[in-house]
């Protein structure tokens, strides 16, 4: 059973039942439901442990406990039935400390009990109970796993399966409701994304026409507005090379795959051919969130790892992006990057602008304008150049097509080597 998205109050929630025949199937159920759940409530610690060990729990989760009252009930039934002897029993999943405490509370000795605390496969737990019983070290088994109970019954081992009590279910439901409500509040907290565009930064060495930067800035703003609308957020420019997107944490979780991938990067690269740098911050106010976002951006620019921080300034993203950087030498051998490298070297020698046409590129590369035009189109296809609007002239014939070379990508490749 899992707590589903209802209102933010724990008393007005929608429950989604996820039935399974074996506790290990709970992992698949969690994966299928995904982010549609505010809090998971498992019927016992067994499916909860399987899901936790599989690493699929991305939302708050709890379970109905089987120790305490549930174990007391089993011990009481065992003492009243001549087929069982709780003083010589094997138990699984529960911790030995909890078992000893429960036995002590009902004045039963613990010298003859055996506890398998670790949750393993059904076959291993069955073998644990059966081996002790066949060696006559025990006279019964107490298990938390239905599959183990069924197997032991089939081979004749006296077995009792722990079941949750009504009081335990009510308590777990209340806990799950509180977890779901808290998660909703967490999802509704304010988040800010700072988008920095290195290509729009101007410098004395790399001067680009003002109209080109304005054109690119407008195109980027339109794209960010579309992306913001998709996640119910807002977007606006901050300065010449920076934009801000304001959203809720819940929206950003879905847009970043749980803060594993920086948002907007791939689409902007695909449609505009430029690279952006992103920082995400959470906060109780817009100002706090923006401060954390700028800190995350600075951290990402310095370490190339974490790009998101929470309200306390702690990283929301595990630092697991280094393997991607090992692939950077491979793109450097592409034809487009070799062409861009040759052009950048000639531009640096001549102290010229980063905007070229086919004639200038052909002169610097030592090829015909026709060949240069084809090479420039290759740069655009690889995201290494940005085609500018053609110059409007009164002269007849085709206007000159200008290209802005994105040499910043070469600098990043060198830094990543």
Protein backbone atom coordinates (compact mmCIF):
# COMPACT_ATOMS: atom_id res chain seq x y z
CA UNK A 1 0.00 0.00 0.00
CA UNK A 2 1.35 3.43 -0.92
CA UNK A 3 0.32 6.97 -0.06
CA UNK A 4 -0.69 8.75 -3.24
CA UNK A 5 -1.02 12.40 -4.19
CA UNK A 6 -4.04 13.96 -2.58
CA UNK A 7 -4.20 17.23 -0.68
CA UNK A 8 -1.37 18.48 1.48
CA UNK A 9 -3.21 17.41 4.65
CA UNK A 10 -2.53 13.88 5.96
CA UNK A 11 -6.23 13.28 6.75
CA UNK A 12 -7.39 13.97 3.21
CA UNK A 13 -5.20 11.70 1.12
CA UNK A 14 -5.64 9.16 -1.63
CA UNK A 15 -4.33 5.63 -1.13
CA UNK A 16 -3.06 3.59 -4.06
CA UNK A 17 -2.90 -0.16 -3.44
CA UNK A 18 -0.02 -2.02 -5.08
CA UNK A 19 -0.62 -5.75 -4.63
CA UNK A 20 2.11 -8.35 -5.04
CA UNK A 21 2.48 -12.09 -4.50
CA UNK A 22 6.07 -11.94 -3.33
CA UNK A 23 7.70 -9.23 -1.21
CA UNK A 24 10.53 -8.85 -3.73
CA UNK A 25 8.00 -7.61 -6.30
CA UNK A 26 7.63 -4.41 -4.26
CA UNK A 27 10.70 -3.01 -6.04
CA UNK A 28 8.98 -3.23 -9.43
CA UNK A 29 5.82 -1.65 -8.00
CA UNK A 30 7.81 1.32 -6.74
CA UNK A 31 9.49 1.78 -10.11
CA UNK A 32 6.15 1.72 -11.93
CA UNK A 33 4.53 4.30 -9.66
CA UNK A 34 7.59 6.56 -9.69
CA UNK A 35 7.17 10.21 -8.73
CA UNK A 36 3.35 9.99 -8.65
CA UNK A 37 3.65 9.05 -4.97
CA UNK A 38 4.14 11.40 -2.02
CA UNK A 39 4.97 8.67 0.52
CA UNK A 40 5.28 4.88 0.44
CA UNK A 41 3.69 2.69 3.11
CA UNK A 42 4.82 -0.93 3.01
CA UNK A 43 2.91 -3.75 4.68
CA UNK A 44 5.98 -4.90 6.61
CA UNK A 45 9.71 -4.21 6.89
CA UNK A 46 10.40 -6.98 4.35
CA UNK A 47 9.22 -5.27 1.11
CA UNK A 48 10.56 -1.98 2.46
CA UNK A 49 14.05 -3.47 2.85
CA UNK A 50 13.97 -5.00 -0.64
CA UNK A 51 13.02 -1.62 -2.14
CA UNK A 52 15.60 0.23 -0.04
CA UNK A 53 18.44 -2.09 -0.97
CA UNK A 54 17.48 -1.81 -4.64
CA UNK A 55 17.90 1.97 -4.37
CA UNK A 56 14.45 2.78 -5.84
CA UNK A 57 13.07 4.78 -2.91
CA UNK A 58 13.21 8.39 -4.04
CA UNK A 59 10.27 9.49 -1.87
CA UNK A 60 9.64 9.26 1.91
CA UNK A 61 8.77 5.70 2.96
CA UNK A 62 7.73 3.81 6.07
CA UNK A 63 6.31 0.36 6.91
CA UNK A 64 3.96 -1.38 9.31
CA UNK A 65 6.18 -2.75 12.11
CA UNK A 66 6.16 -6.47 12.94
CA UNK A 67 8.00 -6.27 16.23
CA UNK A 68 6.47 -5.22 19.52
CA UNK A 69 2.73 -5.95 19.57
CA UNK A 70 2.89 -8.28 16.54
CA UNK A 71 5.58 -10.42 18.16
CA UNK A 72 3.75 -10.34 21.51
CA UNK A 73 0.63 -11.68 19.79
CA UNK A 74 2.61 -14.49 18.16
CA UNK A 75 4.26 -15.46 21.45
CA UNK A 76 0.87 -15.53 23.17
CA UNK A 77 -0.62 -17.77 20.48
CA UNK A 78 2.46 -19.99 20.66
CA UNK A 79 2.25 -20.54 24.41
CA UNK A 80 -1.46 -21.43 24.15
CA UNK A 81 -0.94 -24.01 21.38
CA UNK A 82 0.80 -27.32 22.17
CA UNK A 83 2.21 -27.54 18.62
CA UNK A 84 4.55 -24.62 19.29
CA UNK A 85 7.29 -23.82 21.78
CA UNK A 86 8.32 -20.16 21.58
CA UNK A 87 11.21 -20.74 24.01
CA UNK A 88 12.95 -22.86 21.35
CA UNK A 89 12.35 -20.93 18.15
CA UNK A 90 14.13 -19.40 15.20
CA UNK A 91 13.19 -15.90 14.05
CA UNK A 92 14.11 -13.85 10.98
CA UNK A 93 14.35 -10.21 9.84
CA UNK A 94 13.78 -8.72 13.31
CA UNK A 95 16.78 -7.50 15.28
CA UNK A 96 17.94 -9.64 18.17
CA UNK A 97 17.61 -6.69 20.53
CA UNK A 98 13.91 -6.29 19.66
CA UNK A 99 13.33 -10.02 20.04
CA UNK A 100 15.04 -10.15 23.45
CA UNK A 101 13.04 -7.14 24.61
CA UNK A 102 9.73 -8.68 23.52
CA UNK A 103 10.53 -12.02 25.21
CA UNK A 104 11.55 -10.26 28.41
CA UNK A 105 8.32 -8.27 28.50
CA UNK A 106 6.28 -11.50 28.63
CA UNK A 107 8.74 -13.31 30.95
CA UNK A 108 9.94 -15.91 28.42
CA UNK A 109 13.57 -17.15 28.43
CA UNK A 110 15.77 -16.29 25.47
CA UNK A 111 18.43 -18.99 25.81
CA UNK A 112 16.81 -21.20 23.17
CA UNK A 113 16.09 -18.60 20.48
CA UNK A 114 18.02 -18.06 17.24
CA UNK A 115 17.71 -14.85 15.22
CA UNK A 116 18.65 -14.23 11.57
CA UNK A 117 18.63 -10.41 11.45
CA UNK A 118 19.68 -9.86 7.84
CA UNK A 119 17.02 -9.94 5.13
CA UNK A 120 18.19 -12.39 2.46
CA UNK A 121 16.47 -14.51 -0.15
CA UNK A 122 13.48 -16.72 0.62
CA UNK A 123 15.60 -19.82 0.00
CA UNK A 124 18.33 -18.73 2.43
CA UNK A 125 15.88 -17.86 5.19
CA UNK A 126 14.04 -21.16 4.69
CA UNK A 127 17.35 -23.04 4.94
CA UNK A 128 18.17 -21.18 8.17
CA UNK A 129 14.94 -22.25 9.86
CA UNK A 130 14.91 -25.76 8.44
CA UNK A 131 18.51 -26.50 9.43
CA UNK A 132 17.93 -25.56 13.06
CA UNK A 133 14.70 -27.57 13.20
CA UNK A 134 16.25 -30.70 11.66
CA UNK A 135 19.15 -30.50 14.13
CA UNK A 136 16.50 -30.30 16.85
CA UNK A 137 17.94 -26.97 18.01
CA UNK A 138 14.47 -25.47 17.67
CA UNK A 139 10.87 -26.68 17.71
CA UNK A 140 9.28 -23.90 15.67
CA UNK A 141 10.00 -20.99 13.35
CA UNK A 142 8.66 -17.43 13.50
CA UNK A 143 9.02 -15.60 10.19
CA UNK A 144 8.14 -12.22 8.69
CA UNK A 145 8.23 -13.49 5.09
CA UNK A 146 5.19 -15.15 3.55
CA UNK A 147 7.23 -17.18 1.08
CA UNK A 148 9.32 -18.61 3.92
CA UNK A 149 6.19 -19.57 5.87
CA UNK A 150 4.73 -21.36 2.85
CA UNK A 151 7.92 -23.35 2.21
CA UNK A 152 8.34 -24.35 5.85
CA UNK A 153 4.73 -25.50 6.07
CA UNK A 154 5.27 -27.64 2.94
CA UNK A 155 8.16 -29.55 4.56
CA UNK A 156 6.42 -29.93 7.92
CA UNK A 157 8.27 -27.35 10.03
CA UNK A 158 5.96 -25.77 12.66
CA UNK A 159 5.89 -22.13 11.62
CA UNK A 160 4.11 -18.98 12.63
CA UNK A 161 4.04 -15.90 10.42
CA UNK A 162 4.10 -12.47 12.05
CA UNK A 163 1.21 -10.26 11.01
CA UNK A 164 0.67 -6.55 11.71
CA UNK A 165 -1.82 -5.58 14.35
CA UNK A 166 -4.67 -3.12 13.73
CA UNK A 167 -2.99 -0.64 16.06
CA UNK A 168 0.24 -0.98 14.11
CA UNK A 169 -1.53 -0.34 10.80
CA UNK A 170 -3.26 2.77 12.17
CA UNK A 171 0.02 4.13 13.52
CA UNK A 172 1.82 3.46 10.23
CA UNK A 173 -0.97 5.15 8.25
CA UNK A 174 -0.65 8.23 10.40
CA UNK A 175 3.13 8.27 9.95
CA UNK A 176 2.79 7.88 6.18
CA UNK A 177 0.28 10.73 6.09
CA UNK A 178 2.65 13.01 7.96
CA UNK A 179 5.52 12.03 5.67
CA UNK A 180 3.38 12.75 2.61
CA UNK A 181 2.30 16.14 3.93
CA UNK A 182 5.90 17.07 4.76
CA UNK A 183 7.00 15.96 1.30
CA UNK A 184 4.35 18.17 -0.30
CA UNK A 185 5.63 21.12 1.70
CA UNK A 186 9.19 20.30 0.65
CA UNK A 187 8.13 20.04 -3.00
CA UNK A 188 6.42 23.44 -2.75
CA UNK A 189 9.50 25.24 -1.46
CA UNK A 190 10.97 27.89 -3.70
CA UNK A 191 13.72 27.08 -6.18
CA UNK A 192 15.75 29.36 -8.46
CA UNK A 193 17.80 28.39 -11.52
CA UNK A 194 20.57 30.74 -12.62
CA UNK A 195 21.45 30.22 -16.29
CA UNK A 196 24.79 31.72 -17.31
CA UNK A 197 25.74 31.96 -21.00
CA UNK A 198 29.53 32.18 -21.53
CA UNK A 199 29.04 32.92 -25.24
CA UNK A 200 27.29 36.19 -24.38
CA UNK A 201 30.14 37.42 -22.23
CA UNK A 202 32.12 39.99 -24.19
CA UNK A 203 35.81 40.73 -23.78
CA UNK A 204 38.46 42.83 -25.46
CA UNK A 205 40.00 39.75 -27.08
CA UNK A 206 36.74 38.23 -28.24
CA UNK A 207 34.54 40.99 -29.53
CA UNK A 208 31.26 40.05 -31.23
CA UNK A 209 28.73 42.36 -32.92
CA UNK A 210 26.14 43.79 -30.58
CA UNK A 211 23.26 42.90 -32.85
CA UNK A 212 24.38 39.26 -32.87
CA UNK A 213 24.42 39.09 -29.09
CA UNK A 214 20.97 40.70 -28.95
CA UNK A 215 19.66 38.18 -31.48
CA UNK A 216 21.05 35.25 -29.51
CA UNK A 217 19.79 36.66 -26.22
CA UNK A 218 16.26 36.98 -27.60
CA UNK A 219 16.33 33.45 -29.01
CA UNK A 220 17.59 32.07 -25.70
CA UNK A 221 14.96 34.01 -23.75
CA UNK A 222 12.19 32.59 -25.93
CA UNK A 223 13.46 29.07 -25.43
CA UNK A 224 13.73 29.50 -21.65
CA UNK A 225 10.18 30.87 -21.54
CA UNK A 226 8.97 27.73 -23.29
CA UNK A 227 10.86 25.48 -20.89
CA UNK A 228 9.63 27.46 -17.88
CA UNK A 229 6.03 27.23 -19.06
CA UNK A 230 6.40 23.48 -19.36
CA UNK A 231 7.30 23.15 -15.66
CA UNK A 232 4.97 25.92 -14.41
CA UNK A 233 7.83 28.33 -13.76
CA UNK A 234 8.82 31.87 -14.76
CA UNK A 235 11.91 33.09 -16.60
CA UNK A 236 13.44 36.54 -17.08
CA UNK A 237 16.85 38.01 -17.97
CA UNK A 238 19.09 39.29 -15.18
CA UNK A 239 21.90 40.89 -17.18
CA UNK A 240 23.59 40.59 -20.57
CA UNK A 241 24.62 36.97 -20.09
CA UNK A 242 22.47 35.66 -17.21
CA UNK A 243 18.85 34.48 -16.89
CA UNK A 244 16.80 33.45 -13.87
CA UNK A 245 14.10 30.77 -13.74
CA UNK A 246 11.89 30.67 -10.64
CA UNK A 247 10.02 27.44 -9.85
CA UNK A 248 9.07 25.06 -7.06
CA UNK A 249 11.28 22.23 -5.94
CA UNK A 250 8.73 19.72 -7.25
CA UNK A 251 8.91 21.21 -10.74
CA UNK A 252 12.70 21.18 -10.70
CA UNK A 253 12.83 17.57 -9.54
CA UNK A 254 10.96 16.46 -12.65
CA UNK A 255 12.98 18.77 -14.93
CA UNK A 256 16.34 17.50 -13.63
CA UNK A 257 15.59 13.79 -13.14
CA UNK A 258 15.87 14.21 -9.40
CA UNK A 259 18.72 16.75 -9.64
CA UNK A 260 20.84 14.30 -11.63
CA UNK A 261 20.88 16.29 -14.89
CA UNK A 262 21.13 20.09 -15.23
CA UNK A 263 17.99 21.51 -16.84
CA UNK A 264 17.69 23.19 -20.28
CA UNK A 265 21.27 22.30 -21.27
CA UNK A 266 20.56 19.69 -23.93
CA UNK A 267 17.75 21.57 -25.68
CA UNK A 268 19.69 24.84 -25.81
CA UNK A 269 22.72 23.02 -27.19
CA UNK A 270 20.60 21.24 -29.80
CA UNK A 271 18.62 24.28 -30.98
CA UNK A 272 21.04 27.16 -30.49
CA UNK A 273 24.39 25.39 -30.64
CA UNK A 274 25.74 27.01 -27.48
CA UNK A 275 26.71 25.78 -24.05
CA UNK A 276 25.21 27.15 -20.84
CA UNK A 277 26.15 26.80 -17.17
CA UNK A 278 23.46 26.20 -14.56
CA UNK A 279 23.14 26.64 -10.81
CA UNK A 280 20.07 25.65 -8.75
CA UNK A 281 19.33 26.85 -5.23
CA UNK A 282 16.51 26.36 -2.71
CA UNK A 283 15.39 28.88 -0.14
CA UNK A 284 12.59 30.20 2.02
CA UNK A 285 12.58 33.42 -0.01
CA UNK A 286 13.48 34.30 -3.58
CA UNK A 287 16.55 36.13 -2.36
CA UNK A 288 17.78 33.12 -0.37
CA UNK A 289 17.14 30.78 -3.28
CA UNK A 290 18.97 33.10 -5.69
CA UNK A 291 21.94 33.34 -3.34
CA UNK A 292 22.15 29.56 -3.12
CA UNK A 293 21.73 29.23 -6.89
CA UNK A 294 24.65 31.59 -7.55
CA UNK A 295 26.75 29.65 -5.05
CA UNK A 296 25.82 26.42 -6.83
CA UNK A 297 26.74 27.98 -10.18
CA UNK A 298 30.16 29.03 -8.88
CA UNK A 299 30.69 25.54 -7.47
CA UNK A 300 29.69 23.93 -10.77
CA UNK A 301 32.02 26.22 -12.73
CA UNK A 302 34.91 25.39 -10.39
CA UNK A 303 34.40 21.63 -9.92
CA UNK A 304 32.19 20.57 -12.88
CA UNK A 305 30.17 18.46 -10.44
CA UNK A 306 27.43 19.75 -8.14
CA UNK A 307 25.00 22.24 -9.71
CA UNK A 308 22.23 22.29 -7.07
CA UNK A 309 22.13 23.04 -3.33
CA UNK A 310 19.35 22.93 -0.76
CA UNK A 311 18.20 25.61 1.68
CA UNK A 312 21.15 24.87 3.94
CA UNK A 313 23.70 25.12 1.13
CA UNK A 314 24.27 21.36 0.95
CA UNK A 315 24.69 19.60 -2.38
CA UNK A 316 21.61 17.96 -3.86
CA UNK A 317 23.58 16.09 -6.50
CA UNK A 318 26.06 13.23 -5.95
CA UNK A 319 29.46 13.94 -7.50
CA UNK A 320 29.35 11.20 -10.16
CA UNK A 321 30.02 13.04 -13.40
CA UNK A 322 33.76 12.41 -13.78
CA UNK A 323 33.39 9.41 -16.15
CA UNK A 324 31.78 11.69 -18.74
CA UNK A 325 34.89 13.88 -18.86
CA UNK A 326 37.01 10.91 -19.93
CA UNK A 327 35.23 11.02 -23.29
CA UNK A 328 36.27 14.60 -24.12
CA UNK A 329 39.41 13.69 -26.10
CA UNK A 330 37.29 11.77 -28.63
CA UNK A 331 35.27 14.78 -29.96
CA UNK A 332 38.50 16.77 -30.38
CA UNK A 333 39.40 14.56 -33.32
CA UNK A 334 36.28 15.47 -35.32
CA UNK A 335 36.69 17.43 -38.52
CA UNK A 336 34.69 20.37 -37.22
CA UNK A 337 36.84 20.77 -34.11
CA UNK A 338 40.04 20.59 -36.15
CA UNK A 339 38.69 23.31 -38.43
CA UNK A 340 37.66 25.45 -35.47
CA UNK A 341 41.08 25.02 -33.87
CA UNK A 342 42.86 26.16 -37.07
CA UNK A 343 40.57 29.17 -37.42
CA UNK A 344 40.98 30.17 -33.78
CA UNK A 345 44.77 30.04 -34.08
CA UNK A 346 44.74 32.31 -37.15
CA UNK A 347 42.27 34.71 -35.50
CA UNK A 348 44.50 34.90 -32.43
CA UNK A 349 47.52 35.68 -34.63
CA UNK A 350 45.64 38.44 -36.45
CA UNK A 351 43.85 39.65 -33.31
CA UNK A 352 40.64 39.56 -35.34
CA UNK A 353 36.98 39.09 -34.40
CA UNK A 354 35.33 35.71 -33.95
CA UNK A 355 32.84 36.47 -36.73
CA UNK A 356 33.81 35.19 -40.19
CA UNK A 357 32.29 34.55 -43.59
CA UNK A 358 33.23 32.03 -46.27
CA UNK A 359 35.75 34.37 -47.92
CA UNK A 360 37.64 35.18 -44.71
CA UNK A 361 37.52 31.57 -43.50
CA UNK A 362 38.82 30.35 -46.85
CA UNK A 363 41.72 32.82 -46.70
CA UNK A 364 42.71 31.71 -43.21
CA UNK A 365 42.37 28.00 -44.03
CA UNK A 366 43.94 28.24 -47.47
CA UNK A 367 40.91 26.83 -49.29
CA UNK A 368 38.35 28.18 -51.76
CA UNK A 369 35.30 30.09 -50.48
CA UNK A 370 33.12 27.21 -51.63
CA UNK A 371 35.07 24.72 -49.53
CA UNK A 372 35.12 27.16 -46.61
CA UNK A 373 31.34 27.52 -46.85
CA UNK A 374 31.00 23.74 -46.54
CA UNK A 375 33.38 23.65 -43.55
CA UNK A 376 31.44 26.41 -41.81
CA UNK A 377 28.21 24.46 -42.26
CA UNK A 378 29.97 21.50 -40.62
CA UNK A 379 30.83 23.73 -37.64
CA UNK A 380 27.16 24.69 -37.30
CA UNK A 381 26.07 21.04 -37.42
CA UNK A 382 28.52 20.17 -34.61
CA UNK A 383 27.41 23.15 -32.52
CA UNK A 384 30.75 24.93 -32.94
CA UNK A 385 29.46 28.00 -34.80
CA UNK A 386 26.36 30.15 -34.76
CA UNK A 387 24.95 31.41 -38.11
CA UNK A 388 24.21 35.13 -37.94
CA UNK A 389 21.47 36.97 -39.82
CA UNK A 390 22.70 37.88 -43.34
CA UNK A 391 23.89 41.46 -43.87
CA UNK A 392 21.24 43.56 -45.58
CA UNK A 393 22.83 45.41 -48.51
CA UNK A 394 21.56 47.21 -51.61
CA UNK A 395 23.97 45.32 -53.83
CA UNK A 396 22.58 42.55 -56.04
CA UNK A 397 23.35 38.91 -55.39
CA UNK A 398 23.34 36.71 -52.33
CA UNK A 399 24.16 38.57 -49.09
CA UNK A 400 27.18 37.53 -47.07
CA UNK A 401 26.48 34.83 -44.50
CA UNK A 402 28.34 35.48 -41.26
CA UNK A 403 29.18 32.91 -38.60
CA UNK A 404 30.17 33.42 -34.99
CA UNK A 405 32.80 30.85 -33.99
CA UNK A 406 32.23 29.29 -30.54
CA UNK A 407 35.87 28.88 -29.56
CA UNK A 408 34.88 28.70 -25.89
CA UNK A 409 34.25 25.00 -26.45
CA UNK A 410 37.91 24.48 -27.25
CA UNK A 411 38.87 26.12 -23.94
CA UNK A 412 36.53 23.76 -22.04
CA UNK A 413 37.95 20.73 -23.81
CA UNK A 414 41.48 21.76 -22.83
CA UNK A 415 40.39 22.29 -19.24
CA UNK A 416 38.75 18.87 -19.10
CA UNK A 417 41.77 16.96 -20.37
